[in-house]
């Protein structure tokens, strides 16, 4: 979820992450153009600065997260998830798996969910592309033409763990996603 990415981003920017002696730095960029992930020999690419952290949250490829705007003409945008689960966005049992926003413009930062590391990153500058005040990261909020959040940035772009954008195409070689396995533990 987008809020889970935000939680990890903020933790990486604390004494449990990349901050030492009161100074914080962004997670080092994974600048591998072949999209090779998890370079353990470069622990500065980790959210903790050591090999136990989460890798490639800055650079590598843009990563889709489960955060989208409900202000689109098609529920779920161009996502194929409704093909697999037709009621994914209308059945309340699935709501715990995504963050829903009501934004219609890429500058609707006030629609943020507290802690998702989007709207809290202002003030926002406007240049070649929108930038946040944290590391001058890209900051395009989800909207009608780009309904899904992507986070982290591309291997050769101006990026940060706090970067977020809204791709207008559903498929590209520069986008990826993370799979999270959650075990179903029963009391049987």
N, C-alpha and C. Protein backbone atom coordinates (compact mmCIF):
# COMPACT_ATOMS: atom_id res chain seq x y z
N UNK A 1 0.84 -1.19 0.00
CA UNK A 1 0.00 0.00 0.00
C UNK A 1 0.88 1.25 0.00
N UNK A 2 0.33 2.33 -0.45
CA UNK A 2 1.06 3.59 -0.47
C UNK A 2 1.44 4.02 0.95
N UNK A 3 0.56 3.79 1.91
CA UNK A 3 0.86 4.16 3.30
C UNK A 3 1.98 3.29 3.88
N UNK A 4 2.09 2.06 3.43
CA UNK A 4 3.17 1.19 3.90
C UNK A 4 4.51 1.67 3.35
N UNK A 5 4.52 2.12 2.09
CA UNK A 5 5.74 2.70 1.54
C UNK A 5 6.12 3.93 2.37
N UNK A 6 5.14 4.77 2.69
CA UNK A 6 5.40 5.96 3.49
C UNK A 6 5.99 5.62 4.85
N UNK A 7 5.47 4.60 5.50
CA UNK A 7 5.98 4.19 6.81
C UNK A 7 7.44 3.78 6.73
N UNK A 8 7.80 3.00 5.71
CA UNK A 8 9.18 2.56 5.55
C UNK A 8 10.07 3.76 5.21
N UNK A 9 9.58 4.67 4.38
CA UNK A 9 10.37 5.86 4.03
C UNK A 9 10.68 6.68 5.28
N UNK A 10 9.68 6.90 6.12
CA UNK A 10 9.91 7.67 7.35
C UNK A 10 10.83 6.93 8.32
N UNK A 11 10.66 5.61 8.45
CA UNK A 11 11.56 4.85 9.32
C UNK A 11 13.00 4.87 8.81
N UNK A 12 13.16 4.88 7.49
CA UNK A 12 14.52 4.95 6.94
C UNK A 12 15.16 6.30 7.27
N UNK A 13 14.34 7.29 7.54
CA UNK A 13 14.82 8.64 7.83
C UNK A 13 14.77 8.90 9.34
N UNK A 14 15.16 7.89 10.10
CA UNK A 14 15.15 7.99 11.56
C UNK A 14 16.40 7.31 12.10
N UNK A 15 16.50 7.25 13.42
CA UNK A 15 17.66 6.58 14.02
C UNK A 15 17.68 5.08 13.70
N UNK A 16 16.55 4.53 13.25
CA UNK A 16 16.49 3.12 12.87
C UNK A 16 16.90 2.91 11.41
N UNK A 17 17.17 4.00 10.70
CA UNK A 17 17.52 3.93 9.29
C UNK A 17 18.84 4.57 8.99
N UNK A 18 18.80 5.63 8.18
CA UNK A 18 20.03 6.23 7.66
C UNK A 18 20.54 7.41 8.49
N UNK A 19 19.92 7.71 9.61
CA UNK A 19 20.35 8.84 10.44
C UNK A 19 21.40 8.40 11.45
N UNK A 20 22.51 9.11 11.47
CA UNK A 20 23.55 8.87 12.46
C UNK A 20 24.05 10.21 12.98
N UNK A 21 24.29 10.27 14.26
CA UNK A 21 24.77 11.49 14.91
C UNK A 21 23.93 12.71 14.57
N UNK A 22 22.61 12.52 14.49
CA UNK A 22 21.69 13.62 14.24
C UNK A 22 21.61 14.08 12.80
N UNK A 23 22.29 13.43 11.88
CA UNK A 23 22.26 13.79 10.47
C UNK A 23 21.63 12.66 9.68
N UNK A 24 20.68 13.03 8.84
CA UNK A 24 19.99 12.04 8.01
C UNK A 24 20.37 12.23 6.56
N UNK A 25 20.34 11.14 5.83
CA UNK A 25 20.57 11.19 4.40
C UNK A 25 19.57 10.27 3.71
N UNK A 26 19.37 10.52 2.44
CA UNK A 26 18.46 9.67 1.68
C UNK A 26 19.15 8.33 1.43
N UNK A 27 18.35 7.31 1.20
CA UNK A 27 18.88 6.00 0.84
C UNK A 27 19.61 6.15 -0.49
N UNK A 28 20.78 5.53 -0.62
CA UNK A 28 21.57 5.64 -1.85
C UNK A 28 20.79 5.06 -3.03
N UNK A 29 20.95 5.71 -4.18
CA UNK A 29 20.24 5.31 -5.39
C UNK A 29 20.79 4.00 -5.95
N UNK A 30 19.90 3.08 -6.31
CA UNK A 30 20.30 1.91 -7.08
C UNK A 30 20.34 2.38 -8.53
N UNK A 31 21.54 2.58 -9.05
CA UNK A 31 21.68 3.11 -10.40
C UNK A 31 22.04 2.03 -11.41
N UNK A 32 21.63 0.79 -11.16
CA UNK A 32 21.92 -0.31 -12.06
C UNK A 32 20.92 -0.30 -13.21
N UNK A 33 21.40 0.02 -14.42
CA UNK A 33 20.50 0.14 -15.56
C UNK A 33 19.95 -1.19 -16.05
N UNK A 34 20.50 -2.31 -15.56
CA UNK A 34 19.97 -3.63 -15.90
C UNK A 34 18.90 -4.07 -14.90
N UNK A 35 18.53 -3.18 -13.99
CA UNK A 35 17.50 -3.43 -12.97
C UNK A 35 17.85 -4.57 -12.03
N UNK A 36 19.14 -4.78 -11.79
CA UNK A 36 19.55 -5.79 -10.83
C UNK A 36 19.27 -5.24 -9.44
N UNK A 37 18.68 -6.05 -8.61
CA UNK A 37 18.20 -5.61 -7.31
C UNK A 37 19.02 -6.19 -6.17
N UNK A 38 18.93 -5.55 -5.01
CA UNK A 38 19.50 -6.10 -3.79
C UNK A 38 21.00 -6.21 -3.77
N UNK A 39 21.72 -5.14 -4.08
CA UNK A 39 23.18 -5.16 -4.06
C UNK A 39 23.66 -5.12 -2.61
N UNK A 40 23.83 -6.28 -2.00
CA UNK A 40 24.19 -6.38 -0.59
C UNK A 40 25.58 -5.80 -0.33
N UNK A 41 26.46 -5.79 -1.33
CA UNK A 41 27.78 -5.21 -1.12
C UNK A 41 27.71 -3.70 -0.98
N UNK A 42 26.59 -3.10 -1.38
CA UNK A 42 26.41 -1.66 -1.21
C UNK A 42 25.26 -1.43 -0.24
N UNK A 43 25.54 -1.62 1.06
CA UNK A 43 24.48 -1.55 2.06
C UNK A 43 23.87 -0.16 2.17
N UNK A 44 24.51 0.85 1.60
CA UNK A 44 23.89 2.19 1.64
C UNK A 44 22.67 2.26 0.73
N UNK A 45 22.42 1.23 -0.08
CA UNK A 45 21.18 1.18 -0.87
C UNK A 45 20.04 0.58 -0.05
N UNK A 46 20.30 0.30 1.20
CA UNK A 46 19.34 -0.30 2.11
C UNK A 46 18.70 0.79 2.97
N UNK A 47 17.46 0.58 3.38
CA UNK A 47 16.76 1.56 4.22
C UNK A 47 17.35 1.68 5.61
N UNK A 48 18.16 0.72 6.03
CA UNK A 48 18.77 0.78 7.35
C UNK A 48 20.26 1.08 7.28
N UNK A 49 20.82 1.12 6.07
CA UNK A 49 22.26 1.33 5.93
C UNK A 49 23.06 0.08 6.21
N UNK A 50 22.38 -1.05 6.40
CA UNK A 50 23.07 -2.33 6.58
C UNK A 50 22.31 -3.40 5.81
N UNK A 51 22.81 -4.61 5.81
CA UNK A 51 22.21 -5.65 4.95
C UNK A 51 20.85 -6.14 5.40
N UNK A 52 20.36 -5.73 6.55
CA UNK A 52 19.05 -6.19 7.02
C UNK A 52 17.90 -5.29 6.54
N UNK A 53 18.21 -4.21 5.85
CA UNK A 53 17.18 -3.27 5.43
C UNK A 53 16.46 -3.70 4.17
N UNK A 54 15.59 -2.84 3.68
CA UNK A 54 14.87 -3.06 2.43
C UNK A 54 15.65 -2.36 1.33
N UNK A 55 15.88 -3.06 0.23
CA UNK A 55 16.69 -2.54 -0.86
C UNK A 55 15.84 -1.94 -1.97
N UNK A 56 16.47 -1.08 -2.75
CA UNK A 56 15.93 -0.55 -4.00
C UNK A 56 14.66 0.27 -3.84
N UNK A 57 14.54 0.96 -2.73
CA UNK A 57 13.41 1.87 -2.59
C UNK A 57 13.75 3.25 -3.15
N UNK A 58 14.99 3.41 -3.59
CA UNK A 58 15.43 4.63 -4.25
C UNK A 58 16.16 4.20 -5.51
N UNK A 59 15.56 4.44 -6.64
CA UNK A 59 16.17 4.04 -7.91
C UNK A 59 15.80 2.63 -8.30
N UNK A 60 16.56 2.08 -9.22
CA UNK A 60 16.21 0.78 -9.79
C UNK A 60 15.12 1.00 -10.82
N UNK A 61 13.90 0.80 -10.43
CA UNK A 61 12.76 1.09 -11.30
C UNK A 61 11.66 1.72 -10.46
N UNK A 62 10.78 2.48 -11.12
CA UNK A 62 9.61 2.99 -10.42
C UNK A 62 8.78 1.80 -9.97
N UNK A 63 8.20 1.87 -8.78
CA UNK A 63 7.41 0.75 -8.27
C UNK A 63 5.97 1.17 -8.03
N UNK A 64 5.07 0.40 -8.62
CA UNK A 64 3.65 0.62 -8.34
C UNK A 64 3.36 0.23 -6.90
N UNK A 65 2.53 1.01 -6.25
CA UNK A 65 2.02 0.64 -4.92
C UNK A 65 0.50 0.68 -4.99
N UNK A 66 -0.13 0.07 -4.02
CA UNK A 66 -1.59 0.02 -4.01
C UNK A 66 -2.16 1.31 -3.41
N UNK A 67 -2.12 2.33 -4.22
CA UNK A 67 -2.71 3.62 -3.90
C UNK A 67 -3.20 4.23 -5.19
N UNK A 68 -4.48 4.55 -5.29
CA UNK A 68 -5.03 5.08 -6.54
C UNK A 68 -6.14 6.06 -6.23
N UNK A 69 -6.50 6.85 -7.25
CA UNK A 69 -7.60 7.80 -7.07
C UNK A 69 -8.91 7.19 -7.54
N UNK A 70 -9.93 7.44 -6.78
CA UNK A 70 -11.27 6.97 -7.14
C UNK A 70 -11.92 7.92 -8.13
N UNK A 71 -11.27 9.04 -8.41
CA UNK A 71 -11.81 10.05 -9.31
C UNK A 71 -11.38 9.76 -10.75
N UNK A 72 -11.75 8.60 -11.25
CA UNK A 72 -11.44 8.20 -12.62
C UNK A 72 -12.71 7.76 -13.32
N UNK A 73 -12.65 7.70 -14.64
CA UNK A 73 -13.83 7.26 -15.38
C UNK A 73 -14.01 5.76 -15.30
N UNK A 74 -12.94 5.04 -15.00
CA UNK A 74 -12.98 3.58 -14.91
C UNK A 74 -12.45 3.16 -13.55
N UNK A 75 -13.25 2.47 -12.78
CA UNK A 75 -12.84 2.03 -11.43
C UNK A 75 -11.54 1.23 -11.51
N UNK A 76 -10.51 1.69 -10.79
CA UNK A 76 -9.22 1.03 -10.82
C UNK A 76 -8.32 1.48 -11.96
N UNK A 77 -8.77 2.46 -12.75
CA UNK A 77 -7.95 2.94 -13.86
C UNK A 77 -7.72 1.84 -14.88
N UNK A 78 -6.50 1.74 -15.36
CA UNK A 78 -6.16 0.73 -16.37
C UNK A 78 -5.68 -0.57 -15.75
N UNK A 79 -5.86 -0.71 -14.45
CA UNK A 79 -5.40 -1.91 -13.77
C UNK A 79 -6.19 -3.12 -14.23
N UNK A 80 -5.50 -4.23 -14.37
CA UNK A 80 -6.16 -5.48 -14.73
C UNK A 80 -6.71 -6.23 -13.53
N UNK A 81 -6.57 -5.66 -12.34
CA UNK A 81 -7.01 -6.37 -11.13
C UNK A 81 -8.52 -6.64 -11.15
N UNK A 82 -9.28 -5.76 -11.80
CA UNK A 82 -10.73 -5.98 -11.85
C UNK A 82 -11.10 -7.13 -12.77
N UNK A 83 -10.18 -7.55 -13.62
CA UNK A 83 -10.41 -8.74 -14.44
C UNK A 83 -10.37 -9.98 -13.55
N UNK A 84 -9.41 -9.98 -12.62
CA UNK A 84 -9.29 -11.11 -11.69
C UNK A 84 -10.33 -11.06 -10.58
N UNK A 85 -10.56 -9.87 -10.07
CA UNK A 85 -11.50 -9.66 -8.95
C UNK A 85 -12.45 -8.54 -9.33
N UNK A 86 -13.54 -8.83 -10.02
CA UNK A 86 -14.43 -7.79 -10.53
C UNK A 86 -14.94 -6.80 -9.47
N UNK A 87 -15.06 -7.22 -8.24
CA UNK A 87 -15.58 -6.33 -7.20
C UNK A 87 -14.48 -5.82 -6.27
N UNK A 88 -13.24 -5.82 -6.75
CA UNK A 88 -12.10 -5.45 -5.91
C UNK A 88 -12.28 -4.06 -5.29
N UNK A 89 -12.76 -3.09 -6.05
CA UNK A 89 -12.87 -1.73 -5.54
C UNK A 89 -14.25 -1.40 -4.98
N UNK A 90 -15.18 -2.33 -5.04
CA UNK A 90 -16.52 -2.07 -4.52
C UNK A 90 -16.89 -2.95 -3.32
N UNK A 91 -16.21 -4.07 -3.16
CA UNK A 91 -16.48 -4.97 -2.03
C UNK A 91 -15.56 -4.59 -0.86
N UNK A 92 -16.14 -4.30 0.29
CA UNK A 92 -15.38 -3.79 1.44
C UNK A 92 -14.32 -4.78 1.95
N UNK A 93 -14.45 -6.07 1.66
CA UNK A 93 -13.45 -7.03 2.14
C UNK A 93 -12.06 -6.78 1.55
N UNK A 94 -11.98 -6.11 0.39
CA UNK A 94 -10.70 -5.87 -0.26
C UNK A 94 -10.08 -4.52 0.13
N UNK A 95 -10.81 -3.66 0.79
CA UNK A 95 -10.34 -2.30 1.10
C UNK A 95 -9.04 -2.28 1.89
N UNK A 96 -8.79 -3.29 2.69
CA UNK A 96 -7.56 -3.32 3.49
C UNK A 96 -6.30 -3.48 2.65
N UNK A 97 -6.46 -3.78 1.36
CA UNK A 97 -5.31 -4.02 0.50
C UNK A 97 -4.89 -2.81 -0.34
N UNK A 98 -5.59 -1.69 -0.25
CA UNK A 98 -5.23 -0.52 -1.04
C UNK A 98 -5.61 0.77 -0.30
N UNK A 99 -4.99 1.85 -0.74
CA UNK A 99 -5.31 3.18 -0.24
C UNK A 99 -6.06 3.92 -1.34
N UNK A 100 -7.21 4.48 -1.01
CA UNK A 100 -8.02 5.22 -1.99
C UNK A 100 -7.92 6.72 -1.73
N UNK A 101 -7.74 7.47 -2.80
CA UNK A 101 -7.65 8.93 -2.76
C UNK A 101 -8.77 9.50 -3.62
N UNK A 102 -9.08 10.77 -3.43
CA UNK A 102 -10.15 11.40 -4.22
C UNK A 102 -9.63 12.57 -5.04
N UNK A 103 -8.39 12.50 -5.46
CA UNK A 103 -7.77 13.61 -6.18
C UNK A 103 -8.13 13.61 -7.66
N UNK A 104 -8.15 14.81 -8.25
CA UNK A 104 -8.42 14.93 -9.67
C UNK A 104 -7.29 15.66 -10.41
N UNK A 105 -6.35 16.30 -9.67
CA UNK A 105 -5.21 16.99 -10.28
C UNK A 105 -3.92 16.44 -9.68
N UNK A 106 -2.82 16.56 -10.43
CA UNK A 106 -1.54 16.04 -9.94
C UNK A 106 -0.93 16.91 -8.84
N UNK A 107 -1.62 17.96 -8.44
CA UNK A 107 -1.16 18.81 -7.34
C UNK A 107 -2.14 18.79 -6.16
N UNK A 108 -2.99 17.81 -6.08
CA UNK A 108 -3.97 17.69 -4.98
C UNK A 108 -3.35 17.06 -3.74
N UNK A 109 -2.24 17.64 -3.26
CA UNK A 109 -1.50 17.08 -2.13
C UNK A 109 -2.32 17.04 -0.85
N UNK A 110 -3.32 17.91 -0.74
CA UNK A 110 -4.17 17.91 0.46
C UNK A 110 -5.00 16.64 0.58
N UNK A 111 -5.08 15.84 -0.47
CA UNK A 111 -5.82 14.57 -0.43
C UNK A 111 -4.99 13.42 0.12
N UNK A 112 -3.80 13.72 0.60
CA UNK A 112 -2.92 12.69 1.12
C UNK A 112 -3.55 11.96 2.30
N UNK A 113 -3.05 10.79 2.59
CA UNK A 113 -3.40 10.06 3.80
C UNK A 113 -2.23 10.27 4.75
N UNK A 114 -2.50 10.74 5.94
CA UNK A 114 -1.44 11.08 6.88
C UNK A 114 -0.48 9.90 7.05
N UNK A 115 0.80 10.16 6.81
CA UNK A 115 1.83 9.13 6.93
C UNK A 115 2.22 8.46 5.64
N UNK A 116 1.55 8.78 4.52
CA UNK A 116 1.90 8.11 3.26
C UNK A 116 3.13 8.72 2.57
N UNK A 117 3.72 9.75 3.19
CA UNK A 117 4.92 10.43 2.67
C UNK A 117 4.66 11.04 1.30
N UNK A 118 3.53 11.73 1.19
CA UNK A 118 3.25 12.50 -0.04
C UNK A 118 2.97 13.95 0.35
N UNK A 119 1.79 14.24 0.83
CA UNK A 119 1.39 15.62 1.13
C UNK A 119 2.20 16.27 2.22
N UNK A 120 2.81 15.50 3.11
CA UNK A 120 3.60 16.06 4.20
C UNK A 120 4.94 16.59 3.72
N UNK A 121 5.31 16.36 2.48
CA UNK A 121 6.64 16.69 1.98
C UNK A 121 6.75 18.09 1.39
N UNK A 122 5.70 18.90 1.51
CA UNK A 122 5.72 20.25 0.94
C UNK A 122 6.59 21.18 1.75
N UNK A 123 6.74 22.42 1.31
CA UNK A 123 6.09 23.00 0.13
C UNK A 123 6.63 22.41 -1.17
N UNK A 124 5.81 22.48 -2.19
CA UNK A 124 6.13 21.86 -3.47
C UNK A 124 6.52 22.92 -4.49
N UNK A 125 7.63 22.70 -5.16
CA UNK A 125 8.07 23.60 -6.21
C UNK A 125 7.59 23.13 -7.56
N UNK A 126 7.50 24.03 -8.49
CA UNK A 126 7.07 23.69 -9.83
C UNK A 126 8.14 24.13 -10.82
N UNK A 127 8.76 23.19 -11.47
CA UNK A 127 9.78 23.49 -12.47
C UNK A 127 9.51 22.64 -13.67
N UNK A 128 10.53 21.95 -14.14
CA UNK A 128 10.34 21.01 -15.24
C UNK A 128 9.33 19.95 -14.82
N UNK A 129 9.39 19.59 -13.55
CA UNK A 129 8.40 18.70 -12.97
C UNK A 129 8.22 19.10 -11.52
N UNK A 130 7.12 18.69 -10.92
CA UNK A 130 6.84 19.06 -9.53
C UNK A 130 7.89 18.44 -8.62
N UNK A 131 8.32 19.22 -7.61
CA UNK A 131 9.33 18.74 -6.67
C UNK A 131 8.86 18.99 -5.25
N UNK A 132 9.19 18.05 -4.37
CA UNK A 132 8.90 18.25 -2.96
C UNK A 132 10.08 18.93 -2.30
N UNK A 133 9.89 19.38 -1.08
CA UNK A 133 10.99 20.02 -0.36
C UNK A 133 11.96 19.00 0.23
N UNK A 134 11.65 17.72 0.16
CA UNK A 134 12.53 16.67 0.65
C UNK A 134 13.35 16.15 -0.52
N UNK A 135 14.60 16.47 -0.58
CA UNK A 135 15.54 16.00 -1.60
C UNK A 135 15.13 16.39 -3.01
N UNK A 136 14.27 17.39 -3.17
CA UNK A 136 13.78 17.80 -4.49
C UNK A 136 13.21 16.63 -5.27
N UNK A 137 12.51 15.76 -4.58
CA UNK A 137 11.96 14.55 -5.20
C UNK A 137 10.78 14.88 -6.11
N UNK A 138 10.61 14.05 -7.12
CA UNK A 138 9.42 14.19 -7.98
C UNK A 138 8.18 14.03 -7.12
N UNK A 139 7.18 14.83 -7.41
CA UNK A 139 5.97 14.78 -6.59
C UNK A 139 4.74 15.09 -7.43
N UNK A 140 4.25 14.09 -8.11
CA UNK A 140 3.02 14.19 -8.87
C UNK A 140 1.97 13.33 -8.18
N UNK A 141 0.89 13.96 -7.74
CA UNK A 141 -0.17 13.23 -7.06
C UNK A 141 -1.04 12.50 -8.08
N UNK A 142 -1.68 11.41 -7.65
CA UNK A 142 -2.56 10.65 -8.55
C UNK A 142 -3.71 11.54 -9.02
N UNK A 143 -4.13 11.32 -10.26
CA UNK A 143 -5.23 12.09 -10.82
C UNK A 143 -5.95 11.26 -11.88
N UNK A 144 -6.84 11.90 -12.61
CA UNK A 144 -7.66 11.17 -13.58
C UNK A 144 -6.85 10.52 -14.69
N UNK A 145 -5.80 11.17 -15.17
CA UNK A 145 -5.01 10.58 -16.26
C UNK A 145 -3.89 9.67 -15.75
N UNK A 146 -3.53 9.79 -14.48
CA UNK A 146 -2.54 8.92 -13.86
C UNK A 146 -3.06 8.46 -12.52
N UNK A 147 -3.93 7.43 -12.50
CA UNK A 147 -4.67 7.09 -11.27
C UNK A 147 -3.90 6.27 -10.24
N UNK A 148 -2.73 5.72 -10.57
CA UNK A 148 -1.99 4.88 -9.63
C UNK A 148 -0.71 5.55 -9.20
N UNK A 149 -0.31 5.33 -7.94
CA UNK A 149 0.96 5.85 -7.44
C UNK A 149 2.10 4.94 -7.87
N UNK A 150 3.21 5.57 -8.25
CA UNK A 150 4.47 4.87 -8.40
C UNK A 150 5.44 5.55 -7.44
N UNK A 151 6.34 4.78 -6.87
CA UNK A 151 7.24 5.32 -5.85
C UNK A 151 8.69 4.97 -6.16
N UNK A 152 9.61 5.72 -5.57
CA UNK A 152 11.03 5.38 -5.55
C UNK A 152 11.89 5.88 -6.68
N UNK A 153 11.38 5.96 -7.88
CA UNK A 153 12.15 6.49 -8.98
C UNK A 153 12.90 5.48 -9.82
N UNK A 154 13.36 5.95 -10.93
CA UNK A 154 14.05 5.17 -11.95
C UNK A 154 15.56 5.26 -11.72
N UNK A 155 16.32 4.30 -12.19
CA UNK A 155 17.75 4.22 -11.90
C UNK A 155 18.55 5.44 -12.33
N UNK A 156 18.11 6.17 -13.37
CA UNK A 156 18.89 7.31 -13.83
C UNK A 156 18.15 8.63 -13.71
N UNK A 157 17.08 8.65 -12.91
CA UNK A 157 16.32 9.90 -12.78
C UNK A 157 16.64 10.59 -11.47
N UNK A 158 16.19 11.81 -11.36
CA UNK A 158 16.32 12.60 -10.15
C UNK A 158 15.33 12.00 -9.15
N UNK A 159 15.80 11.21 -8.21
CA UNK A 159 14.92 10.34 -7.44
C UNK A 159 15.25 10.35 -5.96
N UNK A 160 14.37 9.72 -5.18
CA UNK A 160 14.51 9.63 -3.73
C UNK A 160 13.54 8.57 -3.23
N UNK A 161 13.77 8.08 -2.02
CA UNK A 161 12.81 7.16 -1.40
C UNK A 161 11.47 7.87 -1.20
N UNK A 162 11.51 9.21 -1.18
CA UNK A 162 10.29 9.99 -1.01
C UNK A 162 9.64 10.40 -2.33
N UNK A 163 10.19 9.99 -3.47
CA UNK A 163 9.62 10.32 -4.78
C UNK A 163 8.28 9.63 -4.97
N UNK A 164 7.38 10.34 -5.61
CA UNK A 164 6.12 9.71 -6.02
C UNK A 164 5.64 10.38 -7.30
N UNK A 165 4.98 9.60 -8.12
CA UNK A 165 4.48 10.11 -9.39
C UNK A 165 3.24 9.32 -9.77
N UNK A 166 2.70 9.64 -10.93
CA UNK A 166 1.46 9.03 -11.40
C UNK A 166 1.58 8.69 -12.88
N UNK A 167 2.09 7.52 -13.20
CA UNK A 167 2.30 7.20 -14.61
C UNK A 167 0.99 7.20 -15.37
N UNK A 168 1.05 7.67 -16.61
CA UNK A 168 -0.17 7.70 -17.43
C UNK A 168 -0.33 6.43 -18.24
N UNK A 169 0.71 5.59 -18.29
CA UNK A 169 0.57 4.31 -18.99
C UNK A 169 0.65 3.18 -17.97
N UNK A 170 -0.06 2.13 -18.24
CA UNK A 170 -0.13 1.02 -17.30
C UNK A 170 1.07 0.09 -17.42
N UNK A 171 1.69 0.02 -18.57
CA UNK A 171 2.78 -0.93 -18.78
C UNK A 171 4.01 -0.20 -19.29
N UNK A 172 5.15 -0.55 -18.75
CA UNK A 172 6.42 0.00 -19.22
C UNK A 172 7.54 -0.80 -18.61
N UNK A 173 8.68 -0.79 -19.26
CA UNK A 173 9.83 -1.53 -18.74
C UNK A 173 10.46 -0.84 -17.53
N UNK A 174 10.07 0.40 -17.24
CA UNK A 174 10.65 1.11 -16.09
C UNK A 174 9.79 1.00 -14.83
N UNK A 175 8.70 0.24 -14.88
CA UNK A 175 7.84 0.06 -13.73
C UNK A 175 7.94 -1.36 -13.20
N UNK A 176 7.86 -1.51 -11.91
CA UNK A 176 7.84 -2.82 -11.29
C UNK A 176 6.90 -2.77 -10.09
N UNK A 177 6.89 -3.80 -9.31
CA UNK A 177 6.08 -3.84 -8.10
C UNK A 177 6.71 -4.85 -7.16
N UNK A 178 6.31 -4.81 -5.92
CA UNK A 178 6.82 -5.77 -4.94
C UNK A 178 5.70 -6.70 -4.54
N UNK A 179 6.04 -7.93 -4.38
CA UNK A 179 5.07 -8.91 -3.91
C UNK A 179 5.29 -9.09 -2.42
N UNK A 180 4.22 -9.01 -1.67
CA UNK A 180 4.29 -9.20 -0.23
C UNK A 180 3.50 -10.46 0.09
N UNK A 181 4.15 -11.38 0.77
CA UNK A 181 3.49 -12.61 1.18
C UNK A 181 3.06 -12.47 2.62
N UNK A 182 1.81 -12.70 2.87
CA UNK A 182 1.29 -12.62 4.23
C UNK A 182 0.74 -14.01 4.59
N UNK A 183 1.42 -14.72 5.49
CA UNK A 183 0.96 -16.07 5.82
C UNK A 183 -0.38 -16.04 6.52
N UNK A 184 -1.19 -17.01 6.20
CA UNK A 184 -2.50 -17.15 6.84
C UNK A 184 -2.32 -18.19 7.96
N UNK A 185 -2.18 -17.71 9.16
CA UNK A 185 -1.94 -18.60 10.31
C UNK A 185 -3.29 -18.90 10.97
N UNK A 186 -3.62 -20.14 10.99
CA UNK A 186 -4.88 -20.53 11.63
C UNK A 186 -4.61 -21.21 12.95
N UNK A 187 -5.60 -21.30 13.74
CA UNK A 187 -5.49 -21.93 15.07
C UNK A 187 -5.92 -23.38 15.03
N UNK A 188 -5.78 -24.03 13.89
CA UNK A 188 -6.20 -25.44 13.76
C UNK A 188 -5.24 -26.36 14.43
